[in-house]
């Protein structure tokens, strides 16, 4: 059976960027990709591989200093390369829809979501105001948004991340495009919401004969949802073909590494005896470092956390899992003393955490308990060098060097030695100390965030989605780093994630939250292989790769 004629054809495209005072940077080099109607092609690669640039080539949205140096792009036989901006505006948003990665950044916070979803119709003069409203409400219902009439007038901050992403899908589909560019459309979403969004795209492919170019760093998602895969590395196409063929025979070390690091690798949750060897039995005599005793927190009439009780023993990891709104963040804020509990108590090393405590007691708590956040770019001061970022907690907690290490001259010498030590243990070169975070990769920034948390020698690290914003290969590096640090320093981790694949990788015990309540708690092996509740079974079934890889997103 012959392959269908491609709707989109990217033929040997090269893209160059001009930077002041630097040589011309070639970010795509002879890249060729085709997408037929009713199919999905996934473009996979790490940050900097050229994935998003390829999407911008197709949508005609390259930055002003970028240009297509060679090759051409055609859509339905029409050449897009060389079109003026005015000509491209007639194509973009009408024949080509686009879904950005970050739903909140993709929406105007000052405009109702219904108005925004109808903007492509207005821009192309395809419907009156009344007709736009009717069309958008119909689309909201089609993408699975409840009470679409009421949602029409809501603002983005009043919606969850999954709801915002559905609004963007409705906007992209409003004009009935033939091609959809989906740029990491589910990266920051819970696994159940991710599955729902991908299922929705599946139905659009099947029912509307839509063509989708799916940009993703996750070969697990690509393997389960795409008809074909194209793997980019440093702007070059290193592997392409039918999904089943690429997964069965990666063909090169880079694709093999992506495959091993992707969520497909976590499909071994189904074969726990071989994949969950990390799941240790926590020694009964290991001292309890963190204890929650019936802690409860409500905001108005909404109970965020209800009667949470558990213990975390020294040197172990408690994975905290649940969908958005389940209470994960409120729970750990109470554990860290950042939010007061309405009832119950939290103890660190047997001492109660009192939210209103000040002075030495609070300083000692913050020395013992440190946080690592999801987005290192947002949590690190962009105007400070790495050295200054690491020096701040050292000076604040008056922390010196380890015993037996050169003390230098005075306190500044102590801190300089400690900064060098922190860079070394987190696998960062010494030269990073005098650079700014904007000059670092995502993985390097997260290592700096971990180094900053380690600076005052804490006993407990609270890790709030620490790898969800990273490429799968960088995720692997950070998880390996956290594992080695835990073994070397006897650290205790509370690890929050919406990704059960990651939780499976790191946890000794797991707490599963649903609507503020702990619905399952116990050893990781038992929860992941013998879940007691339908909710946990649904979470496990939503992991990309939990089922056998599909040859088509719409299957």
Protein backbone atom coordinates (compact mmCIF):
# COMPACT_ATOMS: atom_id res chain seq x y z
CA UNK A 1 0.00 0.00 0.00
CA UNK A 2 1.48 3.34 -1.08
CA UNK A 3 1.90 6.18 1.43
CA UNK A 4 -0.57 9.09 1.13
CA UNK A 5 0.64 12.25 -0.59
CA UNK A 6 2.12 14.66 1.96
CA UNK A 7 0.14 17.74 2.94
CA UNK A 8 3.25 19.35 4.39
CA UNK A 9 6.69 18.95 2.85
CA UNK A 10 9.86 20.37 4.40
CA UNK A 11 12.58 19.67 1.84
CA UNK A 12 16.28 19.98 2.78
CA UNK A 13 15.72 23.16 4.76
CA UNK A 14 18.65 25.03 6.29
CA UNK A 15 18.18 27.91 8.73
CA UNK A 16 20.77 30.49 9.80
CA UNK A 17 20.78 33.09 12.55
CA UNK A 18 22.98 36.18 12.61
CA UNK A 19 24.22 37.28 16.04
CA UNK A 20 26.08 40.57 16.68
CA UNK A 21 29.83 40.03 16.75
CA UNK A 22 29.54 36.28 16.19
CA UNK A 23 29.76 33.96 13.18
CA UNK A 24 26.50 33.01 11.47
CA UNK A 25 24.88 30.16 13.40
CA UNK A 26 23.34 27.37 11.33
CA UNK A 27 20.57 25.87 13.50
CA UNK A 28 18.96 23.60 10.88
CA UNK A 29 20.91 21.80 8.16
CA UNK A 30 19.22 19.95 5.27
CA UNK A 31 16.22 18.87 7.33
CA UNK A 32 13.46 17.03 5.45
CA UNK A 33 10.09 16.08 6.97
CA UNK A 34 6.71 15.27 5.40
CA UNK A 35 3.28 15.03 7.03
CA UNK A 36 0.23 13.53 5.29
CA UNK A 37 -3.39 14.38 6.12
CA UNK A 38 -4.78 12.17 8.87
CA UNK A 39 -1.33 11.36 10.29
CA UNK A 40 0.97 12.50 13.07
CA UNK A 41 4.70 13.05 12.70
CA UNK A 42 6.64 13.63 15.91
CA UNK A 43 9.82 15.73 15.83
CA UNK A 44 11.96 14.65 18.77
CA UNK A 45 15.16 16.00 20.27
CA UNK A 46 16.79 17.75 23.18
CA UNK A 47 16.73 21.50 23.80
CA UNK A 48 18.77 23.21 21.12
CA UNK A 49 18.23 20.41 18.62
CA UNK A 50 16.15 22.63 16.33
CA UNK A 51 12.66 21.22 17.02
CA UNK A 52 10.93 24.52 17.75
CA UNK A 53 12.86 26.25 14.96
CA UNK A 54 11.41 23.72 12.54
CA UNK A 55 7.92 24.58 13.79
CA UNK A 56 8.66 28.28 13.27
CA UNK A 57 9.88 27.59 9.74
CA UNK A 58 6.51 26.02 8.92
CA UNK A 59 4.48 28.81 10.55
CA UNK A 60 6.67 31.58 9.11
CA UNK A 61 7.54 33.01 12.53
CA UNK A 62 11.34 32.96 12.55
CA UNK A 63 12.93 35.81 14.49
CA UNK A 64 14.11 38.81 12.44
CA UNK A 65 17.74 37.68 12.62
CA UNK A 66 16.86 34.23 11.26
CA UNK A 67 16.40 33.18 7.65
CA UNK A 68 15.78 30.08 5.55
CA UNK A 69 19.13 29.73 3.79
CA UNK A 70 18.19 26.83 1.52
CA UNK A 71 15.46 24.27 0.84
CA UNK A 72 11.75 24.90 0.69
CA UNK A 73 8.46 24.35 2.52
CA UNK A 74 5.21 23.49 0.72
CA UNK A 75 1.68 23.06 2.03
CA UNK A 76 -0.81 21.28 -0.20
CA UNK A 77 1.47 21.87 -3.17
CA UNK A 78 1.78 25.62 -2.49
CA UNK A 79 5.29 26.91 -1.80
CA UNK A 80 5.45 28.81 1.48
CA UNK A 81 9.15 29.65 1.34
CA UNK A 82 9.62 33.27 0.30
CA UNK A 83 6.10 34.46 1.12
CA UNK A 84 5.89 37.99 2.51
CA UNK A 85 4.63 38.48 6.06
CA UNK A 86 1.33 39.77 4.68
CA UNK A 87 0.93 36.69 2.48
CA UNK A 88 1.88 34.37 5.37
CA UNK A 89 -0.79 35.93 7.60
CA UNK A 90 -3.40 34.52 5.21
CA UNK A 91 -1.99 31.03 5.82
CA UNK A 92 -1.04 31.20 9.50
CA UNK A 93 -4.02 30.67 11.79
CA UNK A 94 -6.24 29.73 8.85
CA UNK A 95 -4.61 26.76 7.14
CA UNK A 96 -2.00 26.16 9.83
CA UNK A 97 -3.00 26.07 13.51
CA UNK A 98 -0.48 26.35 16.34
CA UNK A 99 -0.57 25.12 19.97
CA UNK A 100 2.23 26.55 22.17
CA UNK A 101 3.94 24.69 25.00
CA UNK A 102 2.98 26.97 27.91
CA UNK A 103 -0.78 27.44 28.02
CA UNK A 104 -0.70 30.34 30.48
CA UNK A 105 1.94 32.24 28.47
CA UNK A 106 -0.05 31.54 25.30
CA UNK A 107 -3.12 33.34 26.65
CA UNK A 108 -3.61 37.04 27.37
CA UNK A 109 -4.35 37.35 31.13
CA UNK A 110 -6.48 40.47 30.55
CA UNK A 111 -8.85 38.99 27.97
CA UNK A 112 -11.66 36.42 28.41
CA UNK A 113 -10.64 33.02 27.05
CA UNK A 114 -13.66 32.83 24.75
CA UNK A 115 -12.72 36.06 23.02
CA UNK A 116 -9.16 34.80 22.59
CA UNK A 117 -10.30 31.48 21.14
CA UNK A 118 -12.29 33.36 18.53
CA UNK A 119 -9.44 35.69 17.59
CA UNK A 120 -8.29 33.65 14.53
CA UNK A 121 -11.85 33.85 13.16
CA UNK A 122 -11.87 37.63 13.67
CA UNK A 123 -8.37 38.12 12.21
CA UNK A 124 -9.32 36.26 9.02
CA UNK A 125 -12.79 37.81 8.77
CA UNK A 126 -14.47 34.42 8.87
CA UNK A 127 -17.31 35.15 11.30
CA UNK A 128 -19.28 37.95 12.90
CA UNK A 129 -19.00 38.59 16.64
CA UNK A 130 -22.17 36.61 17.37
CA UNK A 131 -21.11 33.77 15.09
CA UNK A 132 -17.65 33.70 16.69
CA UNK A 133 -19.19 33.29 20.11
CA UNK A 134 -21.40 30.43 18.90
CA UNK A 135 -18.50 28.75 17.12
CA UNK A 136 -16.20 29.04 20.16
CA UNK A 137 -18.81 27.65 22.55
CA UNK A 138 -19.27 24.68 20.21
CA UNK A 139 -15.51 24.17 20.07
CA UNK A 140 -15.19 24.39 23.86
CA UNK A 141 -17.71 21.58 24.13
CA UNK A 142 -15.88 19.60 21.43
CA UNK A 143 -12.55 19.82 23.28
CA UNK A 144 -14.21 18.60 26.47
CA UNK A 145 -14.64 21.83 28.46
CA UNK A 146 -17.64 21.70 30.77
CA UNK A 147 -20.16 24.57 30.91
CA UNK A 148 -18.72 26.22 27.79
CA UNK A 149 -21.17 29.15 27.90
CA UNK A 150 -19.95 30.10 31.36
CA UNK A 151 -16.29 29.50 30.51
CA UNK A 152 -16.49 31.85 27.54
CA UNK A 153 -16.27 34.88 29.85
CA UNK A 154 -13.69 33.46 32.26
CA UNK A 155 -10.08 34.65 32.42
CA UNK A 156 -7.01 32.35 32.14
CA UNK A 157 -6.15 32.52 35.85
CA UNK A 158 -9.58 31.08 36.65
CA UNK A 159 -8.84 27.89 34.68
CA UNK A 160 -6.51 24.96 35.33
CA UNK A 161 -3.51 24.27 33.10
CA UNK A 162 -5.36 21.50 31.28
CA UNK A 163 -8.37 23.74 30.68
CA UNK A 164 -6.13 26.52 29.32
CA UNK A 165 -4.50 24.04 26.96
CA UNK A 166 -7.92 23.01 25.67
CA UNK A 167 -8.76 26.67 25.06
CA UNK A 168 -5.63 26.96 22.92
CA UNK A 169 -6.58 23.83 20.99
CA UNK A 170 -10.03 25.31 20.38
CA UNK A 171 -8.41 28.53 19.15
CA UNK A 172 -6.05 26.62 16.86
CA UNK A 173 -8.97 24.60 15.43
CA UNK A 174 -11.42 27.50 15.10
CA UNK A 175 -10.65 28.19 11.44
CA UNK A 176 -10.65 24.53 10.41
CA UNK A 177 -6.92 24.29 9.55
CA UNK A 178 -5.50 21.39 7.60
CA UNK A 179 -2.26 21.29 9.60
CA UNK A 180 -1.66 21.65 13.34
CA UNK A 181 1.74 22.42 14.86
CA UNK A 182 1.71 21.20 18.48
CA UNK A 183 4.84 22.42 20.28
CA UNK A 184 5.30 20.36 23.47
CA UNK A 185 1.54 20.64 24.14
CA UNK A 186 1.51 18.43 27.26
CA UNK A 187 4.95 18.84 28.88
CA UNK A 188 3.80 20.60 32.08
CA UNK A 189 0.51 18.71 32.50
CA UNK A 190 -0.46 15.88 34.83
CA UNK A 191 -0.35 12.43 33.23
CA UNK A 192 -4.14 12.07 33.23
CA UNK A 193 -4.59 15.54 31.70
CA UNK A 194 -1.79 14.77 29.24
CA UNK A 195 -3.58 11.62 28.16
CA UNK A 196 -6.85 13.51 27.78
CA UNK A 197 -5.22 16.20 25.59
CA UNK A 198 -3.47 13.60 23.43
CA UNK A 199 -6.69 11.61 23.12
CA UNK A 200 -8.41 14.81 22.00
CA UNK A 201 -5.79 15.37 19.31
CA UNK A 202 -6.26 11.73 18.29
CA UNK A 203 -9.94 12.30 17.66
CA UNK A 204 -9.20 15.41 15.56
CA UNK A 205 -6.83 13.37 13.38
CA UNK A 206 -9.37 10.62 12.90
CA UNK A 207 -12.55 12.68 12.51
CA UNK A 208 -11.26 15.81 10.75
CA UNK A 209 -8.43 14.19 8.75
CA UNK A 210 -6.08 16.65 10.42
CA UNK A 211 -2.30 16.51 9.94
CA UNK A 212 -0.23 17.11 13.08
CA UNK A 213 3.44 17.98 13.46
CA UNK A 214 4.04 17.09 17.12
CA UNK A 215 7.15 18.69 18.64
CA UNK A 216 8.29 16.84 21.76
CA UNK A 217 11.42 15.89 23.72
CA UNK A 218 9.75 12.71 24.95
CA UNK A 219 10.16 9.61 22.81
CA UNK A 220 7.64 7.91 25.11
CA UNK A 221 4.89 10.25 23.96
CA UNK A 222 6.09 10.05 20.37
CA UNK A 223 6.29 6.26 20.46
CA UNK A 224 2.74 5.94 21.74
CA UNK A 225 1.12 8.68 19.65
CA UNK A 226 2.88 9.23 16.31
CA UNK A 227 2.75 7.47 12.96
CA UNK A 228 6.30 8.57 12.16
CA UNK A 229 9.22 9.96 14.13
CA UNK A 230 11.95 12.38 13.04
CA UNK A 231 14.88 12.75 15.47
CA UNK A 232 16.88 16.00 15.44
CA UNK A 233 20.32 16.55 16.95
CA UNK A 234 22.22 19.83 16.62
CA UNK A 235 19.96 20.88 13.76
CA UNK A 236 20.42 17.73 11.70
CA UNK A 237 18.07 14.82 11.08
CA UNK A 238 19.76 11.74 12.54
CA UNK A 239 16.90 9.22 12.31
CA UNK A 240 13.44 9.11 10.76
CA UNK A 241 10.89 6.51 9.83
CA UNK A 242 7.77 4.68 10.95
CA UNK A 243 7.39 4.80 14.71
CA UNK A 244 7.60 1.06 15.30
CA UNK A 245 10.75 0.85 13.17
CA UNK A 246 12.52 3.71 15.00
CA UNK A 247 11.69 2.26 18.42
CA UNK A 248 12.71 -1.27 17.44
CA UNK A 249 15.91 -0.09 15.77
CA UNK A 250 17.04 3.40 16.94
CA UNK A 251 19.96 3.21 14.55
CA UNK A 252 22.29 5.64 16.33
CA UNK A 253 23.58 6.32 19.86
CA UNK A 254 21.68 9.60 20.25
CA UNK A 255 18.27 8.11 19.43
CA UNK A 256 19.08 5.12 21.62
CA UNK A 257 19.89 7.48 24.51
CA UNK A 258 16.65 9.41 24.04
CA UNK A 259 14.74 6.14 24.01
CA UNK A 260 16.35 4.89 27.21
CA UNK A 261 15.76 8.20 28.99
CA UNK A 262 12.18 8.65 27.81
CA UNK A 263 9.02 7.62 29.58
CA UNK A 264 9.00 4.53 27.37
CA UNK A 265 11.76 3.32 29.65
CA UNK A 266 9.32 3.57 32.55
CA UNK A 267 6.89 1.18 30.91
CA UNK A 268 8.74 -1.34 33.07
CA UNK A 269 6.34 -0.30 35.83
CA UNK A 270 4.36 -3.19 34.33
CA UNK A 271 7.30 -5.50 35.03
CA UNK A 272 8.12 -4.27 38.49
CA UNK A 273 10.29 -7.14 39.62
CA UNK A 274 12.91 -6.18 37.05
CA UNK A 275 12.37 -2.43 36.80
CA UNK A 276 11.76 -1.48 40.44
CA UNK A 277 14.89 -2.96 41.94
CA UNK A 278 15.53 0.45 43.55
CA UNK A 279 12.47 -0.02 45.77
CA UNK A 280 14.07 -0.72 49.13
CA UNK A 281 12.49 -1.82 52.35
CA UNK A 282 12.91 1.13 54.71
CA UNK A 283 14.75 -0.06 57.86
CA UNK A 284 12.43 0.08 60.87
CA UNK A 285 15.25 1.46 63.04
CA UNK A 286 16.05 4.33 60.65
CA UNK A 287 15.25 7.56 62.52
CA UNK A 288 12.16 9.53 61.51
CA UNK A 289 13.18 12.92 60.12
CA UNK A 290 9.82 14.28 58.91
CA UNK A 291 6.46 13.51 60.47
CA UNK A 292 3.00 14.81 59.58
CA UNK A 293 0.34 14.25 62.21
CA UNK A 294 -3.16 14.78 60.86
CA UNK A 295 -2.36 18.10 59.20
CA UNK A 296 -5.27 19.93 57.57
CA UNK A 297 -5.51 23.15 55.57
CA UNK A 298 -8.54 24.87 54.09
CA UNK A 299 -8.87 28.01 51.97
CA UNK A 300 -12.36 29.32 52.57
CA UNK A 301 -14.76 26.49 51.87
CA UNK A 302 -12.18 24.48 49.94
CA UNK A 303 -10.17 21.90 51.91
CA UNK A 304 -6.75 21.72 50.28
CA UNK A 305 -5.31 19.02 52.58
CA UNK A 306 -7.34 16.85 54.95
CA UNK A 307 -5.88 14.88 57.89
CA UNK A 308 -2.55 13.95 56.27
CA UNK A 309 -0.47 11.58 58.39
CA UNK A 310 2.85 9.94 57.44
CA UNK A 311 6.53 9.59 58.39
CA UNK A 312 9.71 9.91 56.33
CA UNK A 313 12.82 8.14 57.56
CA UNK A 314 16.38 9.39 57.22
CA UNK A 315 18.07 8.75 53.88
CA UNK A 316 14.86 7.74 52.08
CA UNK A 317 12.59 9.33 49.48
CA UNK A 318 8.87 9.88 49.84
CA UNK A 319 7.24 10.41 46.46
CA UNK A 320 4.20 12.69 46.58
CA UNK A 321 1.90 12.25 43.61
CA UNK A 322 -1.45 13.60 42.47
CA UNK A 323 -3.14 15.68 39.82
CA UNK A 324 -3.21 19.49 39.79
CA UNK A 325 -5.34 20.70 42.69
CA UNK A 326 -4.78 17.50 44.69
CA UNK A 327 -3.01 19.39 47.48
CA UNK A 328 0.64 18.48 46.80
CA UNK A 329 2.03 22.01 46.99
CA UNK A 330 -0.05 23.00 50.04
CA UNK A 331 1.13 19.85 51.82
CA UNK A 332 4.83 20.51 51.30
CA UNK A 333 4.46 24.20 52.17
CA UNK A 334 3.11 23.11 55.56
CA UNK A 335 6.00 20.67 55.93
CA UNK A 336 8.48 23.45 55.17
CA UNK A 337 6.85 25.88 57.62
CA UNK A 338 5.78 28.25 54.83
CA UNK A 339 2.03 27.76 55.34
CA UNK A 340 0.41 27.21 58.76
CA UNK A 341 -1.73 24.12 59.26
CA UNK A 342 -5.28 24.67 60.51
CA UNK A 343 -5.05 21.45 62.50
CA UNK A 344 -2.50 18.75 63.24
CA UNK A 345 1.26 19.12 63.57
CA UNK A 346 4.51 18.79 61.62
CA UNK A 347 7.76 17.69 63.22
CA UNK A 348 11.29 17.86 61.79
CA UNK A 349 13.80 15.77 63.76
CA UNK A 350 11.23 15.48 66.52
CA UNK A 351 10.82 19.24 66.90
CA UNK A 352 7.49 20.89 65.99
CA UNK A 353 7.39 23.24 63.01
CA UNK A 354 5.64 26.38 64.23
CA UNK A 355 4.78 28.73 61.39
CA UNK A 356 4.90 31.92 63.45
CA UNK A 357 8.24 31.09 65.08
CA UNK A 358 10.98 33.61 64.38
CA UNK A 359 14.65 34.06 65.16
CA UNK A 360 17.07 31.20 65.71
CA UNK A 361 14.37 28.53 65.66
CA UNK A 362 13.16 29.52 62.21
CA UNK A 363 16.71 29.87 60.89
CA UNK A 364 17.52 26.36 62.12
CA UNK A 365 14.41 24.96 60.38
CA UNK A 366 15.35 26.62 57.09
CA UNK A 367 18.88 25.26 57.43
CA UNK A 368 17.56 21.73 57.88
CA UNK A 369 14.87 21.92 55.18
CA UNK A 370 15.60 23.31 51.71
CA UNK A 371 13.49 23.48 48.54
CA UNK A 372 14.32 22.88 44.87
CA UNK A 373 11.67 24.24 42.52
CA UNK A 374 10.41 23.16 39.11
CA UNK A 375 11.76 26.02 37.01
CA UNK A 376 15.36 26.99 37.85
CA UNK A 377 15.23 29.92 35.44
CA UNK A 378 12.43 31.48 37.49
CA UNK A 379 13.80 30.53 40.93
CA UNK A 380 17.36 31.83 40.41
CA UNK A 381 18.25 35.53 40.34
CA UNK A 382 19.10 36.34 36.69
CA UNK A 383 21.14 39.40 37.76
CA UNK A 384 23.45 37.44 40.04
CA UNK A 385 26.36 35.22 39.09
CA UNK A 386 26.33 31.60 40.18
CA UNK A 387 28.96 32.49 42.78
CA UNK A 388 26.68 35.15 44.29
CA UNK A 389 23.68 32.79 44.19
CA UNK A 390 25.60 30.15 46.16
CA UNK A 391 27.18 32.66 48.51
CA UNK A 392 23.81 34.04 49.67
CA UNK A 393 22.67 31.00 51.72
CA UNK A 394 26.23 30.50 53.00
CA UNK A 395 26.44 34.01 54.40
CA UNK A 396 22.83 33.91 55.62
CA UNK A 397 23.35 30.65 57.53
CA UNK A 398 27.00 31.40 58.38
CA UNK A 399 28.04 28.07 56.90
CA UNK A 400 31.75 27.28 56.40
CA UNK A 401 33.61 24.38 54.89
CA UNK A 402 33.60 20.75 55.80
CA UNK A 403 36.02 19.50 58.40
CA UNK A 404 39.45 18.79 57.04
CA UNK A 405 39.06 21.08 54.04
CA UNK A 406 41.24 24.15 53.53
CA UNK A 407 39.67 27.06 55.37
CA UNK A 408 41.15 29.88 53.32
CA UNK A 409 41.50 33.26 55.06
CA UNK A 410 38.50 34.41 57.04
CA UNK A 411 34.83 33.77 56.43
CA UNK A 412 34.97 34.75 52.75
CA UNK A 413 37.67 32.13 52.26
CA UNK A 414 35.47 29.55 53.96
CA UNK A 415 32.59 30.40 51.64
CA UNK A 416 34.79 30.37 48.54
CA UNK A 417 35.95 26.86 49.43
CA UNK A 418 32.35 25.77 50.04
CA UNK A 419 31.21 27.20 46.68
CA UNK A 420 33.96 25.27 44.90
CA UNK A 421 32.89 22.15 46.80
CA UNK A 422 29.23 22.64 45.86
CA UNK A 423 30.07 23.01 42.18
CA UNK A 424 32.17 19.86 42.34
CA UNK A 425 29.55 17.66 44.04
CA UNK A 426 26.83 18.78 41.60
CA UNK A 427 29.02 18.09 38.56
CA UNK A 428 29.49 21.70 37.47
CA UNK A 429 32.81 23.07 36.15
CA UNK A 430 34.51 25.73 38.26
CA UNK A 431 34.16 28.22 35.39
CA UNK A 432 30.38 28.29 35.92
CA UNK A 433 30.87 30.30 39.14
CA UNK A 434 31.34 33.59 37.31
CA UNK A 435 28.57 33.11 34.76
CA UNK A 436 24.94 34.22 34.86
CA UNK A 437 22.07 31.74 34.76
CA UNK A 438 20.98 32.92 31.30
CA UNK A 439 24.33 31.63 30.00
CA UNK A 440 23.68 28.10 31.28
CA UNK A 441 21.69 25.19 29.92
CA UNK A 442 18.50 24.04 31.66
CA UNK A 443 20.31 21.12 33.24
CA UNK A 444 23.13 23.33 34.49
CA UNK A 445 20.64 25.79 35.98
CA UNK A 446 18.90 22.98 37.86
CA UNK A 447 22.28 21.79 39.17
CA UNK A 448 22.89 25.33 40.46
CA UNK A 449 19.48 25.25 42.17
CA UNK A 450 20.40 21.93 43.81
CA UNK A 451 23.81 23.31 44.84
CA UNK A 452 22.12 26.34 46.42
CA UNK A 453 19.78 24.07 48.37
CA UNK A 454 22.74 21.98 49.58
CA UNK A 455 24.75 25.02 50.68
CA UNK A 456 23.61 25.15 54.35
CA UNK A 457 24.00 21.35 54.70
CA UNK A 458 20.30 20.49 55.03
CA UNK A 459 18.95 17.16 56.19
CA UNK A 460 15.78 17.33 54.06
CA UNK A 461 15.30 18.42 50.45
CA UNK A 462 11.80 19.16 49.19
CA UNK A 463 11.92 18.73 45.41
CA UNK A 464 8.89 20.30 43.72
CA UNK A 465 8.68 18.93 40.15
CA UNK A 466 12.48 19.32 39.80
CA UNK A 467 12.79 17.63 36.38
CA UNK A 468 9.46 18.26 34.64
CA UNK A 469 10.80 21.26 32.69
CA UNK A 470 13.88 19.36 31.46
CA UNK A 471 14.63 17.19 28.45
CA UNK A 472 14.50 13.47 29.13
CA UNK A 473 18.27 13.01 28.88
CA UNK A 474 18.85 15.93 31.28
CA UNK A 475 16.15 14.46 33.54
CA UNK A 476 18.20 11.28 33.64
CA UNK A 477 21.33 13.21 34.62
CA UNK A 478 19.55 15.14 37.40
CA UNK A 479 17.90 12.00 38.80
CA UNK A 480 21.26 10.22 38.81
CA UNK A 481 22.81 13.24 40.58
CA UNK A 482 20.07 13.27 43.23
CA UNK A 483 20.55 9.55 43.80
CA UNK A 484 24.31 9.86 44.29
CA UNK A 485 23.91 12.88 46.61
CA UNK A 486 21.39 10.99 48.72
CA UNK A 487 23.73 8.05 49.11
CA UNK A 488 26.77 10.20 49.88
CA UNK A 489 25.10 12.72 52.23
CA UNK A 490 22.28 10.59 53.72
CA UNK A 491 19.75 13.16 52.52
CA UNK A 492 16.03 12.72 53.00
CA UNK A 493 13.86 13.66 50.00
CA UNK A 494 10.24 14.64 49.62
CA UNK A 495 9.81 14.39 45.86
CA UNK A 496 6.74 15.95 44.26
CA UNK A 497 5.85 15.00 40.71
CA UNK A 498 2.87 14.52 38.43
CA UNK A 499 4.97 11.97 36.50
CA UNK A 500 4.57 8.48 37.95
CA UNK A 501 7.45 7.31 35.79
CA UNK A 502 9.79 9.65 37.66
CA UNK A 503 8.18 8.77 41.01
CA UNK A 504 8.78 5.10 40.22
CA UNK A 505 12.41 5.87 39.57
CA UNK A 506 13.19 7.64 42.85
CA UNK A 507 10.78 6.66 45.62
CA UNK A 508 11.06 4.28 48.56
CA UNK A 509 7.51 5.09 49.66
CA UNK A 510 4.69 6.92 47.88
CA UNK A 511 1.84 9.12 49.06
CA UNK A 512 -0.98 9.57 46.54
CA UNK A 513 -3.22 12.61 47.01
CA UNK A 514 -6.68 13.07 45.54
CA UNK A 515 -8.68 16.20 46.35
CA UNK A 516 -6.57 16.84 49.42
CA UNK A 517 -6.81 13.35 50.91
CA UNK A 518 -4.24 10.57 51.00
CA UNK A 519 -5.87 7.73 49.08
CA UNK A 520 -2.85 5.41 49.08
CA UNK A 521 0.39 5.35 51.11
CA UNK A 522 3.00 2.64 51.29
CA UNK A 523 6.12 1.12 49.70
CA UNK A 524 6.62 2.18 46.11
CA UNK A 525 6.74 -1.39 44.82
CA UNK A 526 3.32 -2.24 46.24
CA UNK A 527 1.56 0.91 45.06
CA UNK A 528 3.00 0.74 41.54
CA UNK A 529 2.35 -2.96 41.01
CA UNK A 530 -0.74 -3.60 43.14
CA UNK A 531 -2.70 -0.34 43.38
CA UNK A 532 -5.74 -0.55 45.64
CA UNK A 533 -7.79 2.32 44.16
CA UNK A 534 -9.21 3.07 40.73
CA UNK A 535 -7.62 6.52 40.94
CA UNK A 536 -4.07 5.14 41.16
CA UNK A 537 -4.82 2.57 38.46
CA UNK A 538 -5.93 5.45 36.22
CA UNK A 539 -2.73 7.38 36.96
CA UNK A 540 -0.63 4.33 36.09
CA UNK A 541 -2.55 3.71 32.88
CA UNK A 542 -1.93 7.32 31.83
CA UNK A 543 1.88 7.00 31.79
CA UNK A 544 3.13 7.26 28.18
CA UNK A 545 4.46 3.83 27.33
CA UNK A 546 2.35 2.06 29.96
CA UNK A 547 0.61 0.43 27.01
CA UNK A 548 2.40 -1.02 24.04
CA UNK A 549 3.64 1.67 21.62
CA UNK A 550 1.13 2.59 18.94
CA UNK A 551 1.87 3.02 15.29
CA UNK A 552 -0.63 5.85 15.06
CA UNK A 553 -1.90 8.50 17.38
CA UNK A 554 -5.43 7.86 16.24
CA UNK A 555 -5.36 4.12 16.84
